[in-house]
Amino acid sequence: ETVVANARFFGGDLSKVPRKALTVGVGTVLDAAEVLVIITGTHKAYALAKCIEEGVNHMFTVSAIQMHPKAVVVCDEDATLELRVRTAKYFKSLPHREELLGLPLPEEWAPGAESSKRKRE
């Protein structure tokens, strides 16, 4: 039944539907030492707004990361379209972190990387 229900995500082709999947509950996520959530695209903008602008809500389980001491949300510009202007400005104004979950950030993620790259060329 689950394979048939999920076939819609694979163009209706049952052979492309994975036969096994991993489901991680909120408790497992909150027990993790560090959590990284990646949100991209306009189709996820509403979920991002619910995740960070409102309180923890069972309808948006990703909002539970608000309770995690070492959670990081990475998103693209499109995903921020439903955020309040002041929320987006606040997060953009935070000092740039030199590492993400203990790992160095790629050079292209640095603030102004695109503009400084153009200057070098």
N, C-alpha and C. Protein backbone atom coordinates (compact mmCIF):
# COMPACT_ATOMS: atom_id res chain seq x y z
N GLU A 1 0.80 -1.19 0.00
CA GLU A 1 0.00 0.00 0.00
C GLU A 1 0.85 1.26 0.00
N THR A 2 1.90 1.29 0.81
CA THR A 2 2.75 2.47 0.90
C THR A 2 3.46 2.73 -0.42
N VAL A 3 3.93 1.67 -1.07
CA VAL A 3 4.62 1.82 -2.35
C VAL A 3 3.68 2.43 -3.38
N VAL A 4 2.47 1.95 -3.44
CA VAL A 4 1.48 2.47 -4.38
C VAL A 4 1.18 3.94 -4.06
N ALA A 5 1.02 4.25 -2.79
CA ALA A 5 0.72 5.63 -2.39
C ALA A 5 1.86 6.58 -2.74
N ASN A 6 3.10 6.11 -2.65
CA ASN A 6 4.25 6.97 -2.93
C ASN A 6 4.65 7.00 -4.39
N ALA A 7 4.04 6.18 -5.21
CA ALA A 7 4.37 6.15 -6.64
C ALA A 7 4.13 7.51 -7.29
N ARG A 8 3.22 8.29 -6.76
CA ARG A 8 2.94 9.62 -7.34
C ARG A 8 4.16 10.52 -7.31
N PHE A 9 5.07 10.29 -6.37
CA PHE A 9 6.29 11.08 -6.29
C PHE A 9 7.34 10.62 -7.30
N PHE A 10 7.08 9.52 -7.97
CA PHE A 10 8.02 8.93 -8.92
C PHE A 10 7.36 8.74 -10.27
N GLY A 11 6.51 9.68 -10.64
CA GLY A 11 5.85 9.64 -11.94
C GLY A 11 4.93 8.44 -12.12
N GLY A 12 4.46 7.87 -11.04
CA GLY A 12 3.57 6.72 -11.11
C GLY A 12 4.27 5.40 -11.36
N ASP A 13 5.59 5.42 -11.46
CA ASP A 13 6.36 4.21 -11.75
C ASP A 13 6.69 3.46 -10.46
N LEU A 14 6.00 2.36 -10.22
CA LEU A 14 6.19 1.58 -9.00
C LEU A 14 7.62 1.06 -8.86
N SER A 15 8.28 0.80 -9.96
CA SER A 15 9.64 0.25 -9.89
C SER A 15 10.65 1.27 -9.36
N LYS A 16 10.31 2.55 -9.40
CA LYS A 16 11.23 3.59 -8.93
C LYS A 16 11.04 3.93 -7.45
N VAL A 17 9.97 3.44 -6.86
CA VAL A 17 9.68 3.74 -5.46
C VAL A 17 10.59 2.90 -4.57
N PRO A 18 11.34 3.55 -3.66
CA PRO A 18 12.21 2.78 -2.75
C PRO A 18 11.38 1.80 -1.91
N ARG A 19 11.92 0.63 -1.70
CA ARG A 19 11.23 -0.40 -0.92
C ARG A 19 11.51 -0.25 0.57
N LYS A 20 12.54 0.51 0.90
CA LYS A 20 12.88 0.75 2.29
C LYS A 20 13.10 2.25 2.48
N ALA A 21 12.79 2.72 3.67
CA ALA A 21 13.00 4.13 3.99
C ALA A 21 13.34 4.25 5.46
N LEU A 22 13.94 5.36 5.81
CA LEU A 22 14.30 5.63 7.20
C LEU A 22 13.44 6.78 7.69
N THR A 23 12.75 6.56 8.76
CA THR A 23 11.94 7.61 9.37
C THR A 23 12.58 7.96 10.70
N VAL A 24 12.78 9.24 10.92
CA VAL A 24 13.39 9.70 12.16
C VAL A 24 12.36 10.53 12.91
N GLY A 25 12.09 10.15 14.13
CA GLY A 25 11.12 10.88 14.94
C GLY A 25 11.71 12.12 15.57
N VAL A 26 10.85 12.97 16.06
CA VAL A 26 11.28 14.22 16.69
C VAL A 26 12.18 13.93 17.89
N GLY A 27 11.85 12.94 18.67
CA GLY A 27 12.68 12.59 19.83
C GLY A 27 14.09 12.23 19.44
N THR A 28 14.23 11.47 18.37
CA THR A 28 15.56 11.09 17.88
C THR A 28 16.33 12.32 17.43
N VAL A 29 15.67 13.21 16.71
CA VAL A 29 16.32 14.44 16.25
C VAL A 29 16.77 15.27 17.45
N LEU A 30 15.91 15.42 18.43
CA LEU A 30 16.26 16.24 19.60
C LEU A 30 17.35 15.60 20.45
N ASP A 31 17.51 14.28 20.36
CA ASP A 31 18.58 13.59 21.09
C ASP A 31 19.93 13.70 20.39
N ALA A 32 19.93 14.14 19.14
CA ALA A 32 21.18 14.25 18.38
C ALA A 32 22.07 15.34 18.97
N ALA A 33 23.38 15.15 18.85
CA ALA A 33 24.32 16.16 19.35
C ALA A 33 24.18 17.47 18.57
N GLU A 34 23.99 17.37 17.28
CA GLU A 34 23.85 18.54 16.41
C GLU A 34 22.80 18.22 15.34
N VAL A 35 22.09 19.26 14.89
CA VAL A 35 21.05 19.07 13.88
C VAL A 35 21.25 20.10 12.77
N LEU A 36 21.21 19.63 11.54
CA LEU A 36 21.29 20.51 10.38
C LEU A 36 20.03 20.32 9.56
N VAL A 37 19.31 21.42 9.32
CA VAL A 37 18.10 21.39 8.49
C VAL A 37 18.38 22.25 7.27
N ILE A 38 18.16 21.69 6.09
CA ILE A 38 18.36 22.43 4.84
C ILE A 38 16.99 22.63 4.20
N ILE A 39 16.65 23.88 3.95
CA ILE A 39 15.35 24.22 3.36
C ILE A 39 15.60 25.06 2.11
N THR A 40 15.13 24.57 0.97
CA THR A 40 15.34 25.30 -0.28
C THR A 40 14.04 25.43 -1.07
N GLY A 41 13.95 26.51 -1.80
CA GLY A 41 12.85 26.69 -2.74
C GLY A 41 11.64 27.40 -2.17
N THR A 42 10.89 28.04 -3.06
CA THR A 42 9.69 28.76 -2.67
C THR A 42 8.62 27.82 -2.12
N HIS A 43 8.62 26.57 -2.57
CA HIS A 43 7.61 25.62 -2.09
C HIS A 43 7.81 25.25 -0.62
N LYS A 44 8.93 25.62 -0.03
CA LYS A 44 9.18 25.35 1.39
C LYS A 44 9.19 26.62 2.23
N ALA A 45 8.89 27.77 1.61
CA ALA A 45 8.95 29.05 2.30
C ALA A 45 7.97 29.12 3.47
N TYR A 46 6.77 28.63 3.28
CA TYR A 46 5.76 28.66 4.34
C TYR A 46 6.22 27.80 5.52
N ALA A 47 6.78 26.65 5.24
CA ALA A 47 7.26 25.76 6.30
C ALA A 47 8.40 26.41 7.08
N LEU A 48 9.30 27.10 6.38
CA LEU A 48 10.40 27.79 7.07
C LEU A 48 9.84 28.87 8.00
N ALA A 49 8.88 29.63 7.52
CA ALA A 49 8.28 30.68 8.36
C ALA A 49 7.64 30.06 9.60
N LYS A 50 6.92 28.97 9.44
CA LYS A 50 6.30 28.30 10.58
C LYS A 50 7.37 27.74 11.53
N CYS A 51 8.47 27.29 10.96
CA CYS A 51 9.55 26.67 11.73
C CYS A 51 10.23 27.68 12.66
N ILE A 52 10.49 28.89 12.17
CA ILE A 52 11.29 29.82 12.97
C ILE A 52 10.55 31.03 13.50
N GLU A 53 9.40 31.36 12.95
CA GLU A 53 8.70 32.56 13.42
C GLU A 53 7.59 32.27 14.43
N GLU A 54 7.19 31.04 14.54
CA GLU A 54 6.14 30.69 15.49
C GLU A 54 6.69 29.68 16.49
N GLY A 55 5.93 29.40 17.50
CA GLY A 55 6.37 28.45 18.51
C GLY A 55 6.35 27.02 18.00
N VAL A 56 6.78 26.11 18.85
CA VAL A 56 6.78 24.70 18.51
C VAL A 56 5.33 24.26 18.28
N ASN A 57 5.10 23.56 17.17
CA ASN A 57 3.74 23.23 16.76
C ASN A 57 3.74 21.82 16.17
N HIS A 58 2.83 20.99 16.62
CA HIS A 58 2.77 19.61 16.12
C HIS A 58 2.43 19.54 14.63
N MET A 59 1.85 20.59 14.09
CA MET A 59 1.52 20.60 12.65
C MET A 59 2.77 20.82 11.79
N PHE A 60 3.81 21.40 12.39
CA PHE A 60 5.09 21.63 11.70
C PHE A 60 6.17 21.08 12.62
N THR A 61 6.38 19.78 12.54
CA THR A 61 7.29 19.12 13.49
C THR A 61 8.71 19.66 13.41
N VAL A 62 9.10 20.21 12.27
CA VAL A 62 10.44 20.79 12.16
C VAL A 62 10.61 21.94 13.15
N SER A 63 9.51 22.53 13.61
CA SER A 63 9.60 23.63 14.58
C SER A 63 10.21 23.16 15.91
N ALA A 64 10.23 21.86 16.16
CA ALA A 64 10.81 21.33 17.39
C ALA A 64 12.30 21.63 17.49
N ILE A 65 12.94 21.94 16.39
CA ILE A 65 14.38 22.26 16.46
C ILE A 65 14.63 23.52 17.27
N GLN A 66 13.59 24.31 17.51
CA GLN A 66 13.73 25.49 18.36
C GLN A 66 14.20 25.10 19.76
N MET A 67 13.93 23.87 20.16
CA MET A 67 14.31 23.40 21.49
C MET A 67 15.71 22.78 21.51
N HIS A 68 16.34 22.66 20.36
CA HIS A 68 17.65 22.01 20.30
C HIS A 68 18.75 23.06 20.47
N PRO A 69 19.71 22.80 21.36
CA PRO A 69 20.77 23.79 21.61
C PRO A 69 21.78 23.97 20.47
N LYS A 70 21.88 22.99 19.58
CA LYS A 70 22.86 23.08 18.49
C LYS A 70 22.20 22.76 17.15
N ALA A 71 21.13 23.47 16.85
CA ALA A 71 20.44 23.28 15.57
C ALA A 71 20.83 24.42 14.64
N VAL A 72 21.01 24.08 13.38
CA VAL A 72 21.35 25.06 12.35
C VAL A 72 20.37 24.88 11.20
N VAL A 73 19.81 25.98 10.73
CA VAL A 73 18.94 25.96 9.56
C VAL A 73 19.67 26.69 8.44
N VAL A 74 19.84 26.02 7.32
CA VAL A 74 20.45 26.62 6.14
C VAL A 74 19.37 26.70 5.08
N CYS A 75 19.22 27.88 4.48
CA CYS A 75 18.18 28.02 3.46
C CYS A 75 18.66 28.93 2.35
N ASP A 76 18.02 28.80 1.21
CA ASP A 76 18.33 29.71 0.11
C ASP A 76 17.38 30.91 0.16
N GLU A 77 17.65 31.89 -0.68
CA GLU A 77 16.86 33.12 -0.71
C GLU A 77 15.38 32.83 -0.98
N ASP A 78 15.09 31.91 -1.88
CA ASP A 78 13.70 31.58 -2.21
C ASP A 78 12.93 31.08 -1.00
N ALA A 79 13.58 30.33 -0.15
CA ALA A 79 12.90 29.78 1.03
C ALA A 79 12.55 30.85 2.05
N THR A 80 13.13 32.03 1.94
CA THR A 80 12.86 33.10 2.91
C THR A 80 11.69 34.00 2.51
N LEU A 81 11.06 33.73 1.39
CA LEU A 81 10.04 34.63 0.86
C LEU A 81 8.81 34.80 1.75
N GLU A 82 8.53 33.86 2.63
CA GLU A 82 7.37 33.99 3.53
C GLU A 82 7.76 34.55 4.89
N LEU A 83 9.05 34.78 5.13
CA LEU A 83 9.48 35.33 6.41
C LEU A 83 9.11 36.81 6.48
N ARG A 84 8.87 37.28 7.69
CA ARG A 84 8.69 38.72 7.88
C ARG A 84 10.01 39.40 7.54
N VAL A 85 9.92 40.60 7.04
CA VAL A 85 11.12 41.34 6.64
C VAL A 85 12.09 41.45 7.80
N ARG A 86 11.58 41.75 8.98
CA ARG A 86 12.49 41.92 10.12
C ARG A 86 13.16 40.60 10.51
N THR A 87 12.48 39.48 10.32
CA THR A 87 13.09 38.18 10.61
C THR A 87 14.24 37.92 9.65
N ALA A 88 13.99 38.13 8.36
CA ALA A 88 15.04 37.91 7.35
C ALA A 88 16.22 38.84 7.60
N LYS A 89 15.95 40.10 7.91
CA LYS A 89 17.04 41.06 8.18
C LYS A 89 17.84 40.64 9.41
N TYR A 90 17.15 40.16 10.43
CA TYR A 90 17.83 39.74 11.65
C TYR A 90 18.82 38.62 11.35
N PHE A 91 18.36 37.58 10.68
CA PHE A 91 19.25 36.45 10.41
C PHE A 91 20.38 36.82 9.47
N LYS A 92 20.12 37.70 8.52
CA LYS A 92 21.19 38.13 7.61
C LYS A 92 22.22 38.99 8.33
N SER A 93 21.81 39.64 9.42
CA SER A 93 22.73 40.53 10.15
C SER A 93 23.61 39.79 11.15
N LEU A 94 23.31 38.53 11.42
CA LEU A 94 24.12 37.78 12.39
C LEU A 94 25.55 37.65 11.89
N PRO A 95 26.50 37.67 12.80
CA PRO A 95 27.90 37.51 12.37
C PRO A 95 28.08 36.18 11.65
N HIS A 96 28.91 36.19 10.64
CA HIS A 96 29.18 34.98 9.88
C HIS A 96 29.94 33.99 10.74
N ARG A 97 29.50 32.74 10.75
CA ARG A 97 30.17 31.71 11.51
C ARG A 97 31.28 31.10 10.65
N GLU A 98 32.39 30.83 11.25
CA GLU A 98 33.52 30.26 10.51
C GLU A 98 33.41 28.76 10.34
N GLU A 99 32.48 28.16 11.05
CA GLU A 99 32.31 26.72 10.91
C GLU A 99 30.84 26.37 11.08
N LEU A 100 30.48 25.25 10.57
CA LEU A 100 29.11 24.77 10.65
C LEU A 100 29.17 23.36 11.22
N LEU A 101 28.64 23.20 12.41
CA LEU A 101 28.66 21.89 13.07
C LEU A 101 30.08 21.32 13.16
N GLY A 102 31.02 22.18 13.49
CA GLY A 102 32.39 21.75 13.68
C GLY A 102 33.22 21.61 12.42
N LEU A 103 32.63 21.89 11.26
CA LEU A 103 33.36 21.77 9.99
C LEU A 103 33.53 23.15 9.36
N PRO A 104 34.66 23.41 8.70
CA PRO A 104 34.84 24.70 8.05
C PRO A 104 33.81 24.90 6.94
N LEU A 105 33.35 26.12 6.80
CA LEU A 105 32.40 26.43 5.73
C LEU A 105 33.13 26.51 4.39
N PRO A 106 32.49 26.08 3.32
CA PRO A 106 33.09 26.26 2.00
C PRO A 106 33.29 27.75 1.70
N GLU A 107 34.34 28.09 1.00
CA GLU A 107 34.66 29.49 0.70
C GLU A 107 33.50 30.20 0.02
N GLU A 108 32.80 29.50 -0.87
CA GLU A 108 31.71 30.15 -1.61
C GLU A 108 30.51 30.49 -0.72
N TRP A 109 30.47 30.00 0.51
CA TRP A 109 29.38 30.34 1.42
C TRP A 109 29.66 31.62 2.19
N ALA A 110 30.88 32.10 2.14
CA ALA A 110 31.24 33.30 2.90
C ALA A 110 30.46 34.51 2.40
N PRO A 111 30.09 35.41 3.32
CA PRO A 111 29.37 36.61 2.90
C PRO A 111 30.16 37.38 1.86
N GLY A 112 29.50 37.80 0.81
CA GLY A 112 30.16 38.57 -0.23
C GLY A 112 31.04 37.75 -1.14
N ALA A 113 30.97 36.43 -1.04
CA ALA A 113 31.85 35.57 -1.84
C ALA A 113 31.64 35.80 -3.33
N GLU A 114 30.40 35.95 -3.75
CA GLU A 114 30.12 36.17 -5.17
C GLU A 114 30.70 37.49 -5.65
N SER A 115 30.50 38.56 -4.85
CA SER A 115 31.01 39.86 -5.29
C SER A 115 32.53 39.90 -5.26
N SER A 116 33.16 39.28 -4.26
CA SER A 116 34.63 39.28 -4.21
C SER A 116 35.20 38.39 -5.31
N LYS A 117 34.47 37.33 -5.68
CA LYS A 117 34.92 36.46 -6.77
C LYS A 117 34.94 37.25 -8.08
N ARG A 118 33.89 38.05 -8.28
CA ARG A 118 33.83 38.85 -9.51
C ARG A 118 34.96 39.87 -9.56
N LYS A 119 35.31 40.44 -8.40
CA LYS A 119 36.38 41.44 -8.35
C LYS A 119 37.72 40.81 -8.72
N ARG A 120 37.93 39.55 -8.31
CA ARG A 120 39.20 38.88 -8.60
C ARG A 120 39.34 38.53 -10.07
N GLU A 121 38.21 38.32 -10.75
CA GLU A 121 38.27 37.87 -12.15
C GLU A 121 38.57 39.01 -13.09
